[in-house]
Amino acid sequence: MSESVTQLDRAFAALADPTRRGLVAALAASDATVSELAEPYDMSLQAVSKHIKVLEDAGLVTRSRDAQRRPVHLNAAAFGAMTDWIERYRREAEARYRRLDALLQTMDDQTPKDAA
């Protein structure tokens, strides 16, 4: 399995958890510390840190050091890879639906009008 497929698997698995999706949503608005991210949740800082670690391992977020703060940043490039993957299958599904619509239209055009 290629590294990009493995990374994609990790990203989708990480986002399967509603808490992690909430953390990503918060980080989409702005960078934040673990303490700031933990505020709306009824869980320990350690638990939130574990969620962030999963997101970090999946390549969805990064951490940096800014003086005394350690902000967490959203990695937009990782979401681009996920979007590309989803878009590829969306286009394929749409093409199948267009072919089905064309077939059904052909069948409808060939149906005698007085048969109804």
N, C-alpha and C. Protein backbone atom coordinates (compact mmCIF):
# COMPACT_ATOMS: atom_id res chain seq x y z
N MET A 1 0.86 -1.17 0.00
CA MET A 1 0.00 0.00 0.00
C MET A 1 0.90 1.24 0.00
N SER A 2 0.57 2.21 -0.83
CA SER A 2 1.42 3.40 -0.93
C SER A 2 1.24 4.30 0.30
N GLU A 3 2.22 5.15 0.50
CA GLU A 3 2.18 6.08 1.64
C GLU A 3 0.98 7.02 1.55
N SER A 4 0.64 7.47 0.33
CA SER A 4 -0.50 8.39 0.19
C SER A 4 -1.82 7.71 0.54
N VAL A 5 -1.96 6.42 0.20
CA VAL A 5 -3.17 5.68 0.54
C VAL A 5 -3.25 5.48 2.05
N THR A 6 -2.12 5.13 2.66
CA THR A 6 -2.08 4.95 4.11
C THR A 6 -2.43 6.26 4.82
N GLN A 7 -1.90 7.37 4.34
CA GLN A 7 -2.19 8.67 4.94
C GLN A 7 -3.67 9.02 4.78
N LEU A 8 -4.23 8.70 3.63
CA LEU A 8 -5.64 8.94 3.38
C LEU A 8 -6.50 8.09 4.32
N ASP A 9 -6.12 6.84 4.52
CA ASP A 9 -6.84 5.96 5.46
C ASP A 9 -6.80 6.55 6.86
N ARG A 10 -5.64 7.02 7.28
CA ARG A 10 -5.51 7.62 8.62
C ARG A 10 -6.37 8.86 8.75
N ALA A 11 -6.40 9.67 7.70
CA ALA A 11 -7.18 10.91 7.75
C ALA A 11 -8.67 10.61 7.90
N PHE A 12 -9.18 9.70 7.07
CA PHE A 12 -10.60 9.37 7.17
C PHE A 12 -10.93 8.70 8.50
N ALA A 13 -10.04 7.85 8.98
CA ALA A 13 -10.26 7.20 10.28
C ALA A 13 -10.27 8.23 11.40
N ALA A 14 -9.37 9.19 11.33
CA ALA A 14 -9.31 10.24 12.36
C ALA A 14 -10.60 11.04 12.38
N LEU A 15 -11.16 11.31 11.21
CA LEU A 15 -12.37 12.13 11.14
C LEU A 15 -13.64 11.34 11.41
N ALA A 16 -13.51 10.04 11.64
CA ALA A 16 -14.68 9.22 11.97
C ALA A 16 -15.22 9.56 13.37
N ASP A 17 -14.39 10.17 14.19
CA ASP A 17 -14.78 10.50 15.57
C ASP A 17 -15.38 11.91 15.62
N PRO A 18 -16.57 12.07 16.22
CA PRO A 18 -17.20 13.39 16.26
C PRO A 18 -16.40 14.44 17.05
N THR A 19 -15.69 14.01 18.08
CA THR A 19 -14.88 14.97 18.84
C THR A 19 -13.77 15.52 17.96
N ARG A 20 -13.12 14.65 17.21
CA ARG A 20 -12.04 15.12 16.33
C ARG A 20 -12.58 16.00 15.22
N ARG A 21 -13.77 15.68 14.70
CA ARG A 21 -14.37 16.57 13.70
C ARG A 21 -14.65 17.94 14.31
N GLY A 22 -15.06 17.96 15.57
CA GLY A 22 -15.29 19.23 16.26
C GLY A 22 -14.01 20.01 16.44
N LEU A 23 -12.93 19.31 16.75
CA LEU A 23 -11.63 19.98 16.89
C LEU A 23 -11.19 20.58 15.56
N VAL A 24 -11.39 19.83 14.49
CA VAL A 24 -11.04 20.34 13.15
C VAL A 24 -11.88 21.57 12.82
N ALA A 25 -13.16 21.52 13.15
CA ALA A 25 -14.04 22.68 12.89
C ALA A 25 -13.55 23.90 13.65
N ALA A 26 -13.15 23.72 14.89
CA ALA A 26 -12.64 24.84 15.68
C ALA A 26 -11.35 25.38 15.08
N LEU A 27 -10.48 24.48 14.63
CA LEU A 27 -9.21 24.91 14.05
C LEU A 27 -9.38 25.54 12.67
N ALA A 28 -10.48 25.26 12.01
CA ALA A 28 -10.76 25.91 10.73
C ALA A 28 -10.97 27.40 10.93
N ALA A 29 -11.48 27.77 12.10
CA ALA A 29 -11.70 29.18 12.41
C ALA A 29 -10.40 29.88 12.78
N SER A 30 -9.56 29.22 13.58
CA SER A 30 -8.28 29.81 13.97
C SER A 30 -7.44 28.78 14.72
N ASP A 31 -6.14 29.01 14.76
CA ASP A 31 -5.25 28.16 15.55
C ASP A 31 -5.65 28.28 17.01
N ALA A 32 -5.36 27.25 17.78
CA ALA A 32 -5.73 27.25 19.20
C ALA A 32 -4.80 26.33 19.97
N THR A 33 -4.72 26.56 21.26
CA THR A 33 -3.95 25.67 22.13
C THR A 33 -4.84 24.50 22.54
N VAL A 34 -4.24 23.49 23.13
CA VAL A 34 -5.01 22.34 23.62
C VAL A 34 -6.03 22.81 24.65
N SER A 35 -5.64 23.70 25.53
CA SER A 35 -6.57 24.22 26.55
C SER A 35 -7.76 24.91 25.91
N GLU A 36 -7.50 25.72 24.90
CA GLU A 36 -8.59 26.42 24.22
C GLU A 36 -9.50 25.43 23.49
N LEU A 37 -8.91 24.43 22.89
CA LEU A 37 -9.71 23.43 22.18
C LEU A 37 -10.54 22.58 23.13
N ALA A 38 -10.04 22.38 24.35
CA ALA A 38 -10.71 21.52 25.33
C ALA A 38 -11.91 22.20 25.99
N GLU A 39 -11.97 23.53 25.95
CA GLU A 39 -13.02 24.27 26.69
C GLU A 39 -14.44 23.75 26.47
N PRO A 40 -14.88 23.52 25.23
CA PRO A 40 -16.28 23.10 25.06
C PRO A 40 -16.56 21.63 25.39
N TYR A 41 -15.53 20.88 25.70
CA TYR A 41 -15.70 19.44 25.93
C TYR A 41 -15.62 19.09 27.41
N ASP A 42 -16.40 18.10 27.79
CA ASP A 42 -16.38 17.61 29.16
C ASP A 42 -15.41 16.43 29.22
N MET A 43 -14.12 16.75 29.02
CA MET A 43 -13.08 15.73 29.09
C MET A 43 -11.78 16.38 29.52
N SER A 44 -10.85 15.57 29.94
CA SER A 44 -9.58 16.07 30.44
C SER A 44 -8.71 16.62 29.30
N LEU A 45 -7.74 17.44 29.68
CA LEU A 45 -6.78 17.94 28.70
C LEU A 45 -6.02 16.78 28.07
N GLN A 46 -5.75 15.76 28.86
CA GLN A 46 -5.05 14.59 28.35
C GLN A 46 -5.87 13.89 27.26
N ALA A 47 -7.16 13.78 27.45
CA ALA A 47 -8.02 13.15 26.45
C ALA A 47 -8.05 13.98 25.17
N VAL A 48 -8.16 15.30 25.30
CA VAL A 48 -8.15 16.17 24.12
C VAL A 48 -6.80 16.06 23.43
N SER A 49 -5.72 16.00 24.19
CA SER A 49 -4.38 15.85 23.61
C SER A 49 -4.27 14.56 22.81
N LYS A 50 -4.90 13.49 23.30
CA LYS A 50 -4.87 12.22 22.56
C LYS A 50 -5.61 12.35 21.23
N HIS A 51 -6.74 13.06 21.24
CA HIS A 51 -7.48 13.30 20.00
C HIS A 51 -6.61 14.11 19.02
N ILE A 52 -5.95 15.11 19.54
CA ILE A 52 -5.09 15.94 18.69
C ILE A 52 -3.93 15.12 18.13
N LYS A 53 -3.40 14.21 18.93
CA LYS A 53 -2.32 13.34 18.48
C LYS A 53 -2.79 12.47 17.31
N VAL A 54 -4.01 11.97 17.37
CA VAL A 54 -4.55 11.17 16.26
C VAL A 54 -4.65 12.04 15.00
N LEU A 55 -5.14 13.27 15.16
CA LEU A 55 -5.23 14.19 14.02
C LEU A 55 -3.84 14.52 13.47
N GLU A 56 -2.89 14.66 14.38
CA GLU A 56 -1.51 14.96 13.98
C GLU A 56 -0.90 13.77 13.23
N ASP A 57 -1.09 12.56 13.74
CA ASP A 57 -0.58 11.36 13.07
C ASP A 57 -1.19 11.19 11.69
N ALA A 58 -2.42 11.65 11.52
CA ALA A 58 -3.11 11.57 10.23
C ALA A 58 -2.68 12.70 9.30
N GLY A 59 -1.87 13.62 9.79
CA GLY A 59 -1.40 14.73 8.97
C GLY A 59 -2.39 15.86 8.83
N LEU A 60 -3.46 15.84 9.64
CA LEU A 60 -4.50 16.87 9.53
C LEU A 60 -4.18 18.14 10.32
N VAL A 61 -3.35 18.01 11.35
CA VAL A 61 -2.95 19.18 12.14
C VAL A 61 -1.46 19.11 12.43
N THR A 62 -0.91 20.25 12.77
CA THR A 62 0.49 20.33 13.22
C THR A 62 0.51 21.18 14.48
N ARG A 63 1.58 21.03 15.23
CA ARG A 63 1.77 21.85 16.44
C ARG A 63 3.06 22.65 16.26
N SER A 64 3.08 23.82 16.84
CA SER A 64 4.30 24.63 16.81
C SER A 64 4.50 25.26 18.18
N ARG A 65 5.61 25.93 18.31
CA ARG A 65 5.91 26.61 19.57
C ARG A 65 5.95 28.11 19.27
N ASP A 66 5.15 28.85 20.01
CA ASP A 66 5.08 30.30 19.86
C ASP A 66 5.25 30.89 21.26
N ALA A 67 6.50 31.18 21.62
CA ALA A 67 6.84 31.64 22.97
C ALA A 67 6.35 30.58 23.98
N GLN A 68 5.42 30.94 24.85
CA GLN A 68 4.89 30.01 25.84
C GLN A 68 3.74 29.17 25.31
N ARG A 69 3.17 29.57 24.19
CA ARG A 69 2.02 28.84 23.61
C ARG A 69 2.50 27.73 22.69
N ARG A 70 1.69 26.70 22.60
CA ARG A 70 1.93 25.63 21.61
C ARG A 70 0.66 25.48 20.78
N PRO A 71 0.47 26.39 19.84
CA PRO A 71 -0.78 26.34 19.06
C PRO A 71 -0.83 25.13 18.12
N VAL A 72 -2.05 24.70 17.88
CA VAL A 72 -2.32 23.62 16.94
C VAL A 72 -2.85 24.29 15.67
N HIS A 73 -2.33 23.86 14.51
CA HIS A 73 -2.71 24.44 13.22
C HIS A 73 -3.38 23.37 12.35
N LEU A 74 -4.35 23.78 11.59
CA LEU A 74 -4.98 22.90 10.62
C LEU A 74 -4.09 22.80 9.39
N ASN A 75 -3.88 21.60 8.88
CA ASN A 75 -3.06 21.38 7.68
C ASN A 75 -3.99 21.28 6.48
N ALA A 76 -4.21 22.39 5.80
CA ALA A 76 -5.17 22.43 4.69
C ALA A 76 -4.77 21.51 3.55
N ALA A 77 -3.49 21.29 3.34
CA ALA A 77 -3.04 20.43 2.24
C ALA A 77 -3.57 19.00 2.39
N ALA A 78 -3.64 18.51 3.60
CA ALA A 78 -4.16 17.16 3.83
C ALA A 78 -5.62 17.06 3.42
N PHE A 79 -6.37 18.11 3.64
CA PHE A 79 -7.77 18.11 3.25
C PHE A 79 -7.91 18.19 1.73
N GLY A 80 -6.93 18.79 1.08
CA GLY A 80 -6.93 18.83 -0.38
C GLY A 80 -6.82 17.44 -0.96
N ALA A 81 -5.98 16.59 -0.39
CA ALA A 81 -5.84 15.21 -0.86
C ALA A 81 -7.13 14.44 -0.65
N MET A 82 -7.79 14.67 0.48
CA MET A 82 -9.06 13.99 0.76
C MET A 82 -10.13 14.46 -0.23
N THR A 83 -10.16 15.75 -0.49
CA THR A 83 -11.13 16.31 -1.43
C THR A 83 -10.91 15.75 -2.83
N ASP A 84 -9.66 15.65 -3.25
CA ASP A 84 -9.36 15.08 -4.57
C ASP A 84 -9.87 13.65 -4.67
N TRP A 85 -9.67 12.85 -3.62
CA TRP A 85 -10.12 11.47 -3.61
C TRP A 85 -11.65 11.40 -3.72
N ILE A 86 -12.32 12.20 -2.91
CA ILE A 86 -13.79 12.22 -2.92
C ILE A 86 -14.30 12.69 -4.28
N GLU A 87 -13.69 13.72 -4.80
CA GLU A 87 -14.13 14.31 -6.08
C GLU A 87 -14.02 13.29 -7.22
N ARG A 88 -12.98 12.49 -7.21
CA ARG A 88 -12.80 11.48 -8.26
C ARG A 88 -13.99 10.52 -8.28
N TYR A 89 -14.39 10.05 -7.12
CA TYR A 89 -15.51 9.10 -7.06
C TYR A 89 -16.85 9.79 -7.27
N ARG A 90 -16.97 11.05 -6.91
CA ARG A 90 -18.20 11.80 -7.19
C ARG A 90 -18.40 11.94 -8.69
N ARG A 91 -17.32 12.26 -9.41
CA ARG A 91 -17.41 12.39 -10.87
C ARG A 91 -17.80 11.07 -11.51
N GLU A 92 -17.22 9.96 -11.03
CA GLU A 92 -17.56 8.65 -11.57
C GLU A 92 -19.03 8.32 -11.32
N ALA A 93 -19.52 8.62 -10.14
CA ALA A 93 -20.93 8.35 -9.82
C ALA A 93 -21.85 9.21 -10.70
N GLU A 94 -21.50 10.47 -10.89
CA GLU A 94 -22.31 11.34 -11.74
C GLU A 94 -22.34 10.84 -13.18
N ALA A 95 -21.21 10.34 -13.67
CA ALA A 95 -21.16 9.81 -15.04
C ALA A 95 -22.09 8.60 -15.16
N ARG A 96 -22.10 7.73 -14.13
CA ARG A 96 -23.01 6.57 -14.15
C ARG A 96 -24.46 7.02 -14.16
N TYR A 97 -24.80 8.02 -13.36
CA TYR A 97 -26.17 8.53 -13.33
C TYR A 97 -26.56 9.15 -14.66
N ARG A 98 -25.63 9.86 -15.30
CA ARG A 98 -25.94 10.45 -16.62
C ARG A 98 -26.21 9.34 -17.65
N ARG A 99 -25.41 8.26 -17.61
CA ARG A 99 -25.64 7.15 -18.54
C ARG A 99 -26.99 6.49 -18.27
N LEU A 100 -27.33 6.32 -17.00
CA LEU A 100 -28.62 5.74 -16.65
C LEU A 100 -29.76 6.65 -17.11
N ASP A 101 -29.63 7.95 -16.88
CA ASP A 101 -30.66 8.89 -17.34
C ASP A 101 -30.84 8.81 -18.85
N ALA A 102 -29.73 8.72 -19.59
CA ALA A 102 -29.81 8.63 -21.05
C ALA A 102 -30.50 7.34 -21.47
N LEU A 103 -30.18 6.24 -20.81
CA LEU A 103 -30.81 4.96 -21.13
C LEU A 103 -32.31 5.02 -20.84
N LEU A 104 -32.68 5.56 -19.70
CA LEU A 104 -34.10 5.66 -19.35
C LEU A 104 -34.83 6.57 -20.32
N GLN A 105 -34.20 7.64 -20.76
CA GLN A 105 -34.82 8.54 -21.74
C GLN A 105 -35.03 7.82 -23.06
N THR A 106 -34.04 7.03 -23.48
CA THR A 106 -34.15 6.25 -24.71
C THR A 106 -35.30 5.26 -24.60
N MET A 107 -35.41 4.59 -23.48
CA MET A 107 -36.49 3.62 -23.27
C MET A 107 -37.84 4.33 -23.28
N ASP A 108 -37.91 5.50 -22.67
CA ASP A 108 -39.15 6.27 -22.63
C ASP A 108 -39.55 6.72 -24.04
N ASP A 109 -38.54 7.13 -24.82
CA ASP A 109 -38.81 7.57 -26.19
C ASP A 109 -39.31 6.43 -27.07
N GLN A 110 -38.91 5.20 -26.76
CA GLN A 110 -39.28 4.05 -27.55
C GLN A 110 -40.61 3.41 -27.11
N THR A 111 -41.14 3.84 -25.98
CA THR A 111 -42.39 3.30 -25.48
C THR A 111 -43.54 3.90 -26.27
N PRO A 112 -44.42 3.03 -26.84
CA PRO A 112 -45.59 3.58 -27.56
C PRO A 112 -46.44 4.42 -26.63
N LYS A 113 -46.87 5.57 -27.09
CA LYS A 113 -47.63 6.52 -26.26
C LYS A 113 -48.99 5.97 -25.85
N ASP A 114 -49.62 5.13 -26.65
CA ASP A 114 -50.93 4.59 -26.31
C ASP A 114 -50.83 3.36 -25.39
N ALA A 115 -49.59 2.94 -25.07
CA ALA A 115 -49.40 1.79 -24.18
C ALA A 115 -49.63 2.18 -22.73
N ALA A 116 -49.63 3.43 -22.45
CA ALA A 116 -49.78 3.89 -21.08
C ALA A 116 -51.16 3.92 -20.62
